Amino acid sequence: MEGELARLTGALYEFGLLKRYRRTGWLVAGVRDPESIADHSFRTAIIASVIAAMEGGDPERAAFMGLFHDTQETRVTDIPYVAKRYLKAAPNERITADQMRGLPSPVADVVCGAIAEYEEKSSLEARCARDADKLECLIQAVEYRDQGHQNVQPWIDSSLAALQTASAKRLADEVLHSNPLAWVAEVLNGDPES
């Protein structure tokens, strides 16, 4: 057990790298200080729970997959799509299995199972989590566009094209027709008693 706890502690440090690793595609779009992989995964998990709730699935399961969907990038980094034309990364299931090797089996089993489910799209929750990944990218692109970055349309287009669930498509339509800071004005102008 002591060796397992040491390896588990190492994994927790490893996953902490996601707070420092940047999403590299945004560098291609000209964003100087893009979001981290952890930033992306956090909002992906929230969006996954929302989509799953709207679709009648298990929000907690979808959020869990959304949270872990990019943890493999501690080992291979965030490879931008243009580079994927020239590089072949190991499958995410294999990377996750390597990351989980020697960890307590309850931890390894739940994480490996979630990544396999996510990659196979074998459940409604996995499809919701995958849509959340794309919807989060779309939302981030809209935010960057509103900050003056003009080269984000390919991310918007590819994210829209990848959405599968009706709820994610409806949310994407709303995102495209809304101001990212409209919620602030609503809070400031709203009735605090309501």
N, C-alpha and C. Protein backbone atom coordinates (compact mmCIF):
# COMPACT_ATOMS: atom_id res chain seq x y z
N MET A 1 0.83 -1.20 0.00
CA MET A 1 0.00 0.00 0.00
C MET A 1 0.86 1.26 0.00
N GLU A 2 1.99 1.21 0.70
CA GLU A 2 2.84 2.40 0.77
C GLU A 2 3.36 2.80 -0.61
N GLY A 3 3.76 1.82 -1.42
CA GLY A 3 4.21 2.11 -2.77
C GLY A 3 3.09 2.68 -3.62
N GLU A 4 1.87 2.16 -3.43
CA GLU A 4 0.72 2.67 -4.18
C GLU A 4 0.46 4.13 -3.83
N LEU A 5 0.56 4.47 -2.54
CA LEU A 5 0.31 5.85 -2.13
C LEU A 5 1.38 6.78 -2.67
N ALA A 6 2.59 6.32 -2.73
CA ALA A 6 3.67 7.15 -3.31
C ALA A 6 3.41 7.39 -4.79
N ARG A 7 2.99 6.34 -5.50
CA ARG A 7 2.69 6.50 -6.92
C ARG A 7 1.45 7.39 -7.13
N LEU A 8 0.45 7.25 -6.24
CA LEU A 8 -0.74 8.09 -6.32
C LEU A 8 -0.36 9.56 -6.09
N THR A 9 0.50 9.79 -5.12
CA THR A 9 0.96 11.16 -4.87
C THR A 9 1.68 11.70 -6.09
N GLY A 10 2.50 10.88 -6.72
CA GLY A 10 3.18 11.29 -7.94
C GLY A 10 2.19 11.64 -9.04
N ALA A 11 1.12 10.87 -9.14
CA ALA A 11 0.10 11.15 -10.15
C ALA A 11 -0.58 12.49 -9.87
N LEU A 12 -0.82 12.79 -8.61
CA LEU A 12 -1.45 14.07 -8.27
C LEU A 12 -0.53 15.23 -8.64
N TYR A 13 0.78 15.06 -8.41
CA TYR A 13 1.72 16.08 -8.86
C TYR A 13 1.73 16.17 -10.39
N GLU A 14 1.69 15.02 -11.05
CA GLU A 14 1.68 15.01 -12.51
C GLU A 14 0.47 15.75 -13.06
N PHE A 15 -0.71 15.48 -12.51
CA PHE A 15 -1.91 16.16 -13.01
C PHE A 15 -1.86 17.65 -12.75
N GLY A 16 -1.08 18.06 -11.76
CA GLY A 16 -0.89 19.48 -11.50
C GLY A 16 -0.22 20.21 -12.65
N LEU A 17 0.52 19.46 -13.49
CA LEU A 17 1.13 20.08 -14.67
C LEU A 17 0.08 20.69 -15.59
N LEU A 18 -1.12 20.16 -15.55
CA LEU A 18 -2.18 20.67 -16.43
C LEU A 18 -2.52 22.13 -16.10
N LYS A 19 -2.19 22.57 -14.90
CA LYS A 19 -2.40 23.98 -14.55
C LYS A 19 -1.38 24.88 -15.23
N ARG A 20 -0.23 24.31 -15.58
CA ARG A 20 0.84 25.10 -16.21
C ARG A 20 0.91 24.94 -17.72
N TYR A 21 0.47 23.81 -18.23
CA TYR A 21 0.53 23.57 -19.68
C TYR A 21 -0.58 24.37 -20.37
N ARG A 22 -0.23 25.08 -21.40
CA ARG A 22 -1.18 25.91 -22.14
C ARG A 22 -1.79 25.15 -23.30
N ARG A 23 -2.98 25.56 -23.68
CA ARG A 23 -3.63 24.99 -24.86
C ARG A 23 -2.97 25.61 -26.08
N THR A 24 -2.22 24.82 -26.81
CA THR A 24 -1.33 25.33 -27.85
C THR A 24 -2.04 25.82 -29.10
N GLY A 25 -3.22 25.31 -29.39
CA GLY A 25 -3.93 25.77 -30.57
C GLY A 25 -4.18 27.27 -30.54
N TRP A 26 -4.43 27.80 -29.34
CA TRP A 26 -4.69 29.23 -29.23
C TRP A 26 -3.43 30.05 -29.54
N LEU A 27 -2.26 29.48 -29.34
CA LEU A 27 -1.03 30.18 -29.74
C LEU A 27 -1.01 30.36 -31.25
N VAL A 28 -1.45 29.36 -31.98
CA VAL A 28 -1.54 29.44 -33.44
C VAL A 28 -2.50 30.57 -33.84
N ALA A 29 -3.56 30.77 -33.06
CA ALA A 29 -4.54 31.82 -33.35
C ALA A 29 -4.08 33.20 -32.90
N GLY A 30 -2.91 33.28 -32.27
CA GLY A 30 -2.37 34.57 -31.87
C GLY A 30 -2.68 34.98 -30.44
N VAL A 31 -3.23 34.08 -29.65
CA VAL A 31 -3.50 34.38 -28.24
C VAL A 31 -2.17 34.23 -27.49
N ARG A 32 -1.68 35.31 -26.89
CA ARG A 32 -0.36 35.28 -26.25
C ARG A 32 -0.33 34.49 -24.94
N ASP A 33 -1.39 34.55 -24.18
CA ASP A 33 -1.43 33.85 -22.89
C ASP A 33 -2.71 33.03 -22.82
N PRO A 34 -2.74 31.90 -23.56
CA PRO A 34 -3.98 31.12 -23.62
C PRO A 34 -4.28 30.39 -22.32
N GLU A 35 -5.49 29.91 -22.24
CA GLU A 35 -5.94 29.13 -21.09
C GLU A 35 -5.05 27.90 -20.91
N SER A 36 -5.01 27.39 -19.69
CA SER A 36 -4.30 26.15 -19.42
C SER A 36 -5.22 24.97 -19.74
N ILE A 37 -4.62 23.79 -19.81
CA ILE A 37 -5.41 22.58 -20.01
C ILE A 37 -6.36 22.38 -18.83
N ALA A 38 -5.89 22.71 -17.61
CA ALA A 38 -6.75 22.59 -16.42
C ALA A 38 -7.92 23.56 -16.50
N ASP A 39 -7.67 24.79 -16.97
CA ASP A 39 -8.76 25.75 -17.15
C ASP A 39 -9.83 25.16 -18.08
N HIS A 40 -9.37 24.62 -19.19
CA HIS A 40 -10.27 24.03 -20.18
C HIS A 40 -11.04 22.85 -19.58
N SER A 41 -10.34 21.98 -18.86
CA SER A 41 -10.98 20.78 -18.30
C SER A 41 -12.00 21.13 -17.23
N PHE A 42 -11.73 22.17 -16.45
CA PHE A 42 -12.67 22.59 -15.42
C PHE A 42 -14.01 22.99 -16.04
N ARG A 43 -13.95 23.89 -17.04
CA ARG A 43 -15.21 24.33 -17.63
C ARG A 43 -15.85 23.21 -18.45
N THR A 44 -15.03 22.34 -19.05
CA THR A 44 -15.58 21.19 -19.77
C THR A 44 -16.40 20.32 -18.83
N ALA A 45 -15.90 20.09 -17.61
CA ALA A 45 -16.63 19.27 -16.65
C ALA A 45 -17.97 19.91 -16.28
N ILE A 46 -17.96 21.21 -16.09
CA ILE A 46 -19.21 21.91 -15.77
C ILE A 46 -20.19 21.79 -16.94
N ILE A 47 -19.71 22.05 -18.15
CA ILE A 47 -20.57 21.98 -19.33
C ILE A 47 -21.09 20.55 -19.53
N ALA A 48 -20.24 19.56 -19.29
CA ALA A 48 -20.66 18.16 -19.42
C ALA A 48 -21.82 17.85 -18.49
N SER A 49 -21.75 18.36 -17.26
CA SER A 49 -22.84 18.10 -16.33
C SER A 49 -24.13 18.78 -16.78
N VAL A 50 -24.00 19.97 -17.33
CA VAL A 50 -25.17 20.71 -17.82
C VAL A 50 -25.81 19.97 -19.00
N ILE A 51 -24.99 19.59 -19.97
CA ILE A 51 -25.53 18.89 -21.15
C ILE A 51 -26.17 17.57 -20.74
N ALA A 52 -25.51 16.83 -19.85
CA ALA A 52 -26.06 15.54 -19.42
C ALA A 52 -27.40 15.73 -18.72
N ALA A 53 -27.50 16.76 -17.88
CA ALA A 53 -28.78 17.02 -17.21
C ALA A 53 -29.86 17.34 -18.24
N MET A 54 -29.52 18.16 -19.23
CA MET A 54 -30.49 18.52 -20.27
C MET A 54 -30.89 17.33 -21.12
N GLU A 55 -29.97 16.39 -21.31
CA GLU A 55 -30.22 15.22 -22.15
C GLU A 55 -30.81 14.04 -21.37
N GLY A 56 -30.98 14.18 -20.06
CA GLY A 56 -31.54 13.10 -19.26
C GLY A 56 -30.51 12.08 -18.80
N GLY A 57 -29.25 12.43 -18.83
CA GLY A 57 -28.18 11.53 -18.39
C GLY A 57 -27.74 11.83 -16.97
N ASP A 58 -26.63 11.22 -16.59
CA ASP A 58 -26.06 11.38 -15.26
C ASP A 58 -25.03 12.52 -15.29
N PRO A 59 -25.36 13.67 -14.74
CA PRO A 59 -24.45 14.81 -14.78
C PRO A 59 -23.11 14.55 -14.09
N GLU A 60 -23.14 13.79 -13.00
CA GLU A 60 -21.90 13.52 -12.28
C GLU A 60 -20.94 12.67 -13.12
N ARG A 61 -21.46 11.67 -13.79
CA ARG A 61 -20.62 10.80 -14.63
C ARG A 61 -20.05 11.61 -15.80
N ALA A 62 -20.86 12.42 -16.43
CA ALA A 62 -20.38 13.24 -17.54
C ALA A 62 -19.32 14.22 -17.07
N ALA A 63 -19.53 14.84 -15.92
CA ALA A 63 -18.55 15.79 -15.38
C ALA A 63 -17.23 15.08 -15.08
N PHE A 64 -17.30 13.88 -14.54
CA PHE A 64 -16.09 13.12 -14.22
C PHE A 64 -15.28 12.87 -15.50
N MET A 65 -15.95 12.45 -16.56
CA MET A 65 -15.24 12.23 -17.82
C MET A 65 -14.68 13.53 -18.37
N GLY A 66 -15.44 14.60 -18.26
CA GLY A 66 -14.96 15.90 -18.72
C GLY A 66 -13.73 16.36 -17.96
N LEU A 67 -13.70 16.07 -16.68
CA LEU A 67 -12.56 16.47 -15.86
C LEU A 67 -11.29 15.72 -16.24
N PHE A 68 -11.41 14.45 -16.57
CA PHE A 68 -10.25 13.61 -16.86
C PHE A 68 -9.92 13.49 -18.35
N HIS A 69 -10.72 14.06 -19.24
CA HIS A 69 -10.59 13.77 -20.67
C HIS A 69 -9.25 14.17 -21.28
N ASP A 70 -8.55 15.15 -20.72
CA ASP A 70 -7.27 15.59 -21.27
C ASP A 70 -6.09 15.34 -20.34
N THR A 71 -6.26 14.51 -19.32
CA THR A 71 -5.15 14.28 -18.39
C THR A 71 -3.95 13.62 -19.05
N GLN A 72 -4.15 12.99 -20.17
CA GLN A 72 -3.05 12.36 -20.90
C GLN A 72 -2.04 13.39 -21.41
N GLU A 73 -2.46 14.63 -21.48
CA GLU A 73 -1.60 15.69 -22.03
C GLU A 73 -0.44 16.04 -21.10
N THR A 74 -0.41 15.47 -19.89
CA THR A 74 0.79 15.62 -19.06
C THR A 74 1.95 14.86 -19.70
N ARG A 75 1.64 13.84 -20.49
CA ARG A 75 2.67 13.00 -21.11
C ARG A 75 2.95 13.39 -22.56
N VAL A 76 1.95 13.87 -23.27
CA VAL A 76 2.15 14.18 -24.70
C VAL A 76 1.93 15.65 -25.03
N THR A 77 1.60 16.45 -24.05
CA THR A 77 1.25 17.87 -24.17
C THR A 77 0.00 18.04 -25.03
N ASP A 78 -0.37 19.28 -25.25
CA ASP A 78 -1.53 19.61 -26.07
C ASP A 78 -1.04 19.79 -27.50
N ILE A 79 -1.20 18.76 -28.29
CA ILE A 79 -0.72 18.79 -29.67
C ILE A 79 -1.75 19.53 -30.53
N PRO A 80 -1.36 20.66 -31.16
CA PRO A 80 -2.34 21.37 -31.99
C PRO A 80 -2.72 20.53 -33.21
N TYR A 81 -3.91 20.80 -33.73
CA TYR A 81 -4.43 20.00 -34.84
C TYR A 81 -3.50 20.02 -36.05
N VAL A 82 -2.85 21.12 -36.31
CA VAL A 82 -1.95 21.17 -37.46
C VAL A 82 -0.79 20.19 -37.28
N ALA A 83 -0.34 19.98 -36.06
CA ALA A 83 0.75 19.04 -35.80
C ALA A 83 0.28 17.60 -35.88
N LYS A 84 -0.99 17.35 -35.59
CA LYS A 84 -1.51 15.98 -35.62
C LYS A 84 -1.44 15.38 -37.02
N ARG A 85 -1.30 16.23 -38.00
CA ARG A 85 -1.14 15.73 -39.38
C ARG A 85 0.20 15.01 -39.54
N TYR A 86 1.16 15.37 -38.69
CA TYR A 86 2.52 14.84 -38.82
C TYR A 86 2.92 13.91 -37.68
N LEU A 87 2.19 13.94 -36.60
CA LEU A 87 2.53 13.15 -35.42
C LEU A 87 1.43 12.15 -35.12
N LYS A 88 1.82 11.02 -34.56
CA LYS A 88 0.82 10.05 -34.13
C LYS A 88 1.03 9.78 -32.65
N ALA A 89 0.14 10.32 -31.84
CA ALA A 89 0.22 10.11 -30.39
C ALA A 89 -0.35 8.75 -30.04
N ALA A 90 0.08 8.22 -28.93
CA ALA A 90 -0.48 6.97 -28.42
C ALA A 90 -1.94 7.18 -28.08
N PRO A 91 -2.75 6.14 -28.15
CA PRO A 91 -4.17 6.29 -27.77
C PRO A 91 -4.30 6.74 -26.31
N ASN A 92 -5.29 7.56 -26.05
CA ASN A 92 -5.50 8.07 -24.69
C ASN A 92 -5.70 6.96 -23.66
N GLU A 93 -6.33 5.87 -24.06
CA GLU A 93 -6.52 4.75 -23.12
C GLU A 93 -5.17 4.18 -22.68
N ARG A 94 -4.23 4.08 -23.60
CA ARG A 94 -2.90 3.55 -23.27
C ARG A 94 -2.14 4.49 -22.35
N ILE A 95 -2.22 5.79 -22.64
CA ILE A 95 -1.54 6.77 -21.79
C ILE A 95 -2.14 6.74 -20.39
N THR A 96 -3.46 6.71 -20.30
CA THR A 96 -4.11 6.66 -19.00
C THR A 96 -3.72 5.40 -18.24
N ALA A 97 -3.66 4.26 -18.93
CA ALA A 97 -3.25 3.01 -18.28
C ALA A 97 -1.83 3.15 -17.72
N ASP A 98 -0.94 3.78 -18.47
CA ASP A 98 0.42 4.02 -17.97
C ASP A 98 0.40 4.95 -16.76
N GLN A 99 -0.42 5.99 -16.81
CA GLN A 99 -0.51 6.92 -15.69
C GLN A 99 -1.07 6.24 -14.43
N MET A 100 -1.95 5.29 -14.61
CA MET A 100 -2.62 4.64 -13.49
C MET A 100 -1.88 3.40 -12.99
N ARG A 101 -0.86 2.96 -13.71
CA ARG A 101 -0.12 1.75 -13.33
C ARG A 101 0.47 1.89 -11.92
N GLY A 102 0.16 0.93 -11.07
CA GLY A 102 0.70 0.91 -9.72
C GLY A 102 -0.08 1.74 -8.72
N LEU A 103 -1.16 2.39 -9.15
CA LEU A 103 -2.00 3.16 -8.24
C LEU A 103 -3.01 2.22 -7.58
N PRO A 104 -3.60 2.62 -6.48
CA PRO A 104 -4.64 1.78 -5.87
C PRO A 104 -5.71 1.42 -6.91
N SER A 105 -6.08 0.16 -6.96
CA SER A 105 -6.99 -0.29 -8.02
C SER A 105 -8.33 0.45 -8.04
N PRO A 106 -8.92 0.85 -6.90
CA PRO A 106 -10.17 1.60 -7.02
C PRO A 106 -10.01 2.90 -7.81
N VAL A 107 -8.86 3.55 -7.66
CA VAL A 107 -8.59 4.79 -8.39
C VAL A 107 -8.32 4.47 -9.85
N ALA A 108 -7.41 3.54 -10.08
CA ALA A 108 -7.04 3.20 -11.46
C ALA A 108 -8.23 2.70 -12.25
N ASP A 109 -9.05 1.87 -11.65
CA ASP A 109 -10.20 1.30 -12.35
C ASP A 109 -11.21 2.37 -12.76
N VAL A 110 -11.51 3.29 -11.85
CA VAL A 110 -12.52 4.31 -12.15
C VAL A 110 -12.01 5.28 -13.22
N VAL A 111 -10.75 5.65 -13.15
CA VAL A 111 -10.21 6.59 -14.15
C VAL A 111 -10.06 5.90 -15.50
N CYS A 112 -9.47 4.71 -15.53
CA CYS A 112 -9.32 3.99 -16.81
C CYS A 112 -10.68 3.70 -17.44
N GLY A 113 -11.65 3.33 -16.61
CA GLY A 113 -13.00 3.06 -17.12
C GLY A 113 -13.64 4.30 -17.72
N ALA A 114 -13.45 5.43 -17.07
CA ALA A 114 -14.04 6.68 -17.58
C ALA A 114 -13.40 7.08 -18.91
N ILE A 115 -12.09 6.94 -19.02
CA ILE A 115 -11.41 7.31 -20.27
C ILE A 115 -11.82 6.36 -21.39
N ALA A 116 -11.92 5.07 -21.10
CA ALA A 116 -12.37 4.13 -22.14
C ALA A 116 -13.78 4.46 -22.60
N GLU A 117 -14.66 4.74 -21.66
CA GLU A 117 -16.04 5.10 -21.99
C GLU A 117 -16.08 6.38 -22.83
N TYR A 118 -15.28 7.37 -22.44
CA TYR A 118 -15.22 8.64 -23.16
C TYR A 118 -14.73 8.42 -24.59
N GLU A 119 -13.63 7.70 -24.74
CA GLU A 119 -13.04 7.50 -26.07
C GLU A 119 -13.92 6.64 -26.97
N GLU A 120 -14.63 5.68 -26.38
CA GLU A 120 -15.51 4.81 -27.18
C GLU A 120 -16.88 5.44 -27.45
N LYS A 121 -17.17 6.57 -26.78
CA LYS A 121 -18.47 7.23 -26.89
C LYS A 121 -19.59 6.23 -26.60
N SER A 122 -19.36 5.36 -25.61
CA SER A 122 -20.24 4.22 -25.39
C SER A 122 -21.45 4.51 -24.50
N SER A 123 -21.61 5.75 -24.09
CA SER A 123 -22.76 6.09 -23.25
C SER A 123 -23.22 7.50 -23.59
N LEU A 124 -24.42 7.80 -23.17
CA LEU A 124 -24.94 9.16 -23.32
C LEU A 124 -24.01 10.14 -22.61
N GLU A 125 -23.55 9.78 -21.42
CA GLU A 125 -22.69 10.66 -20.65
C GLU A 125 -21.36 10.92 -21.37
N ALA A 126 -20.84 9.92 -22.03
CA ALA A 126 -19.59 10.10 -22.80
C ALA A 126 -19.83 11.05 -23.96
N ARG A 127 -20.95 10.91 -24.64
CA ARG A 127 -21.26 11.81 -25.75
C ARG A 127 -21.48 13.23 -25.24
N CYS A 128 -22.08 13.36 -24.07
CA CYS A 128 -22.26 14.69 -23.47
C CYS A 128 -20.91 15.30 -23.10
N ALA A 129 -20.01 14.50 -22.55
CA ALA A 129 -18.68 15.00 -22.19
C ALA A 129 -17.88 15.39 -23.43
N ARG A 130 -18.01 14.61 -24.50
CA ARG A 130 -17.31 14.95 -25.74
C ARG A 130 -17.89 16.24 -26.33
N ASP A 131 -19.19 16.39 -26.29
CA ASP A 131 -19.79 17.64 -26.74
C ASP A 131 -19.34 18.80 -25.86
N ALA A 132 -19.21 18.56 -24.57
CA ALA A 132 -18.76 19.61 -23.66
C ALA A 132 -17.35 20.08 -24.01
N ASP A 133 -16.50 19.15 -24.40
CA ASP A 133 -15.13 19.51 -24.82
C ASP A 133 -15.20 20.47 -26.00
N LYS A 134 -16.03 20.17 -26.97
CA LYS A 134 -16.16 21.02 -28.15
C LYS A 134 -16.87 22.33 -27.84
N LEU A 135 -17.90 22.27 -27.02
CA LEU A 135 -18.63 23.49 -26.67
C LEU A 135 -17.75 24.43 -25.85
N GLU A 136 -16.92 23.87 -24.98
CA GLU A 136 -16.00 24.71 -24.21
C GLU A 136 -15.03 25.42 -25.14
N CYS A 137 -14.54 24.72 -26.15
CA CYS A 137 -13.64 25.32 -27.13
C CYS A 137 -14.34 26.45 -27.88
N LEU A 138 -15.59 26.22 -28.25
CA LEU A 138 -16.36 27.24 -28.95
C LEU A 138 -16.55 28.47 -28.06
N ILE A 139 -16.92 28.25 -26.81
CA ILE A 139 -17.11 29.38 -25.88
C ILE A 139 -15.81 30.15 -25.71
N GLN A 140 -14.70 29.42 -25.56
CA GLN A 140 -13.41 30.08 -25.40
C GLN A 140 -13.06 30.89 -26.65
N ALA A 141 -13.35 30.34 -27.82
CA ALA A 141 -13.09 31.06 -29.07
C ALA A 141 -13.90 32.35 -29.14
N VAL A 142 -15.15 32.29 -28.74
CA VAL A 142 -15.99 33.50 -28.74
C VAL A 142 -15.43 34.52 -27.76
N GLU A 143 -15.00 34.07 -26.60
CA GLU A 143 -14.40 34.99 -25.62
C GLU A 143 -13.12 35.63 -26.18
N TYR A 144 -12.28 34.82 -26.79
CA TYR A 144 -11.05 35.37 -27.38
C TYR A 144 -11.37 36.33 -28.53
N ARG A 145 -12.37 36.00 -29.32
CA ARG A 145 -12.78 36.89 -30.42
C ARG A 145 -13.24 38.24 -29.86
N ASP A 146 -14.02 38.19 -28.79
CA ASP A 146 -14.48 39.43 -28.18
C ASP A 146 -13.35 40.24 -27.54
N GLN A 147 -12.24 39.58 -27.27
CA GLN A 147 -11.05 40.26 -26.73
C GLN A 147 -10.16 40.80 -27.85
N GLY A 148 -10.59 40.61 -29.10
CA GLY A 148 -9.86 41.18 -30.22
C GLY A 148 -9.05 40.20 -31.05
N HIS A 149 -9.08 38.92 -30.71
CA HIS A 149 -8.36 37.92 -31.50
C HIS A 149 -9.22 37.56 -32.71
N GLN A 150 -8.66 37.75 -33.89
CA GLN A 150 -9.47 37.63 -35.09
C GLN A 150 -9.33 36.30 -35.82
N ASN A 151 -8.45 35.43 -35.37
CA ASN A 151 -8.17 34.20 -36.10
C ASN A 151 -8.82 32.97 -35.49
N VAL A 152 -9.92 33.13 -34.81
CA VAL A 152 -10.52 32.01 -34.07
C VAL A 152 -11.67 31.32 -34.80
N GLN A 153 -12.08 31.83 -35.95
CA GLN A 153 -13.22 31.24 -36.65
C GLN A 153 -13.06 29.75 -36.96
N PRO A 154 -11.87 29.28 -37.33
CA PRO A 154 -11.74 27.83 -37.56
C PRO A 154 -12.08 26.99 -36.32
N TRP A 155 -11.79 27.49 -35.12
CA TRP A 155 -12.12 26.77 -33.89
C TRP A 155 -13.63 26.78 -33.68
N ILE A 156 -14.26 27.89 -33.98
CA ILE A 156 -15.72 27.97 -33.86
C ILE A 156 -16.36 26.99 -34.83
N ASP A 157 -15.92 27.01 -36.08
CA ASP A 157 -16.51 26.15 -37.11
C ASP A 157 -16.31 24.67 -36.80
N SER A 158 -15.10 24.28 -36.42
CA SER A 158 -14.84 22.86 -36.15
C SER A 158 -15.57 22.40 -34.89
N SER A 159 -15.69 23.26 -33.91
CA SER A 159 -16.43 22.89 -32.70
C SER A 159 -17.90 22.68 -33.01
N LEU A 160 -18.49 23.60 -33.77
CA LEU A 160 -19.90 23.45 -34.15
C LEU A 160 -20.14 22.16 -34.92
N ALA A 161 -19.26 21.87 -35.84
CA ALA A 161 -19.42 20.68 -36.69
C ALA A 161 -19.34 19.38 -35.90
N ALA A 162 -18.66 19.39 -34.77
CA ALA A 162 -18.45 18.17 -34.00
C ALA A 162 -19.56 17.88 -33.00
N LEU A 163 -20.42 18.83 -32.71
CA LEU A 163 -21.46 18.63 -31.70
C LEU A 163 -22.48 17.59 -32.14
N GLN A 164 -22.89 16.73 -31.20
CA GLN A 164 -23.81 15.64 -31.51
C GLN A 164 -25.16 15.77 -30.82
N THR A 165 -25.18 16.20 -29.58
CA THR A 165 -26.45 16.22 -28.85
C THR A 165 -27.26 17.47 -29.17
N ALA A 166 -28.56 17.33 -29.10
CA ALA A 166 -29.45 18.46 -29.36
C ALA A 166 -29.20 19.59 -28.37
N SER A 167 -28.95 19.24 -27.12
CA SER A 167 -28.73 20.26 -26.10
C SER A 167 -27.46 21.06 -26.36
N ALA A 168 -26.40 20.38 -26.74
CA ALA A 168 -25.15 21.09 -27.04
C ALA A 168 -25.32 22.00 -28.25
N LYS A 169 -26.06 21.55 -29.24
CA LYS A 169 -26.30 22.38 -30.43
C LYS A 169 -27.12 23.62 -30.08
N ARG A 170 -28.11 23.45 -29.23
CA ARG A 170 -28.92 24.61 -28.80
C ARG A 170 -28.08 25.60 -27.99
N LEU A 171 -27.26 25.07 -27.10
CA LEU A 171 -26.37 25.93 -26.31
C LEU A 171 -25.38 26.67 -27.21
N ALA A 172 -24.83 25.97 -28.19
CA ALA A 172 -23.88 26.60 -29.11
C ALA A 172 -24.53 27.75 -29.87
N ASP A 173 -25.76 27.55 -30.31
CA ASP A 173 -26.48 28.61 -31.01
C ASP A 173 -26.64 29.83 -30.12
N GLU A 174 -26.97 29.59 -28.87
CA GLU A 174 -27.12 30.70 -27.92
C GLU A 174 -25.79 31.40 -27.68
N VAL A 175 -24.72 30.63 -27.55
CA VAL A 175 -23.38 31.19 -27.34
C VAL A 175 -23.03 32.13 -28.50
N LEU A 176 -23.31 31.70 -29.71
CA LEU A 176 -22.96 32.49 -30.89
C LEU A 176 -23.77 33.78 -31.00
N HIS A 177 -24.90 33.82 -30.33
CA HIS A 177 -25.78 35.00 -30.42
C HIS A 177 -25.83 35.79 -29.11
N SER A 178 -24.83 35.60 -28.28
CA SER A 178 -24.84 36.30 -27.00
C SER A 178 -23.50 36.99 -26.75
N ASN A 179 -23.53 37.93 -25.84
CA ASN A 179 -22.33 38.63 -25.42
C ASN A 179 -21.76 37.89 -24.20
N PRO A 180 -20.47 37.55 -24.20
CA PRO A 180 -19.91 36.81 -23.06
C PRO A 180 -20.06 37.51 -21.71
N LEU A 181 -20.26 38.82 -21.70
CA LEU A 181 -20.40 39.53 -20.43
C LEU A 181 -21.82 40.02 -20.16
N ALA A 182 -22.78 39.55 -20.93
CA ALA A 182 -24.17 39.96 -20.72
C ALA A 182 -24.66 39.58 -19.32
N TRP A 183 -24.15 38.50 -18.80
CA TRP A 183 -24.57 38.06 -17.47
C TRP A 183 -24.21 39.09 -16.39
N VAL A 184 -23.10 39.83 -16.59
CA VAL A 184 -22.68 40.83 -15.60
C VAL A 184 -23.72 41.94 -15.53
N ALA A 185 -24.12 42.45 -16.69
CA ALA A 185 -25.13 43.51 -16.72
C ALA A 185 -26.43 43.03 -16.10
N GLU A 186 -26.78 41.79 -16.35
CA GLU A 186 -28.02 41.24 -15.78
C GLU A 186 -27.93 41.20 -14.25
N VAL A 187 -26.78 40.82 -13.72
CA VAL A 187 -26.60 40.77 -12.27
C VAL A 187 -26.65 42.18 -11.69
N LEU A 188 -25.96 43.11 -12.34
CA LEU A 188 -25.91 44.48 -11.83
C LEU A 188 -27.25 45.20 -11.92
N ASN A 189 -28.03 44.86 -12.92
CA ASN A 189 -29.33 45.51 -13.10
C ASN A 189 -30.49 44.73 -12.46
N GLY A 190 -30.20 43.55 -11.95
CA GLY A 190 -31.26 42.72 -11.39
C GLY A 190 -31.66 43.13 -10.00
N ASP A 191 -32.76 42.57 -9.59
CA ASP A 191 -33.30 42.81 -8.25
C ASP A 191 -32.64 41.82 -7.29
N PRO A 192 -31.87 42.30 -6.30
CA PRO A 192 -31.19 41.38 -5.38
C PRO A 192 -32.13 40.54 -4.53
N GLU A 193 -33.36 40.94 -4.42
CA GLU A 193 -34.33 40.19 -3.62
C GLU A 193 -35.01 39.08 -4.41
N SER A 194 -34.85 39.10 -5.72
CA SER A 194 -35.57 38.09 -6.52
C SER A 194 -34.81 36.81 -6.63
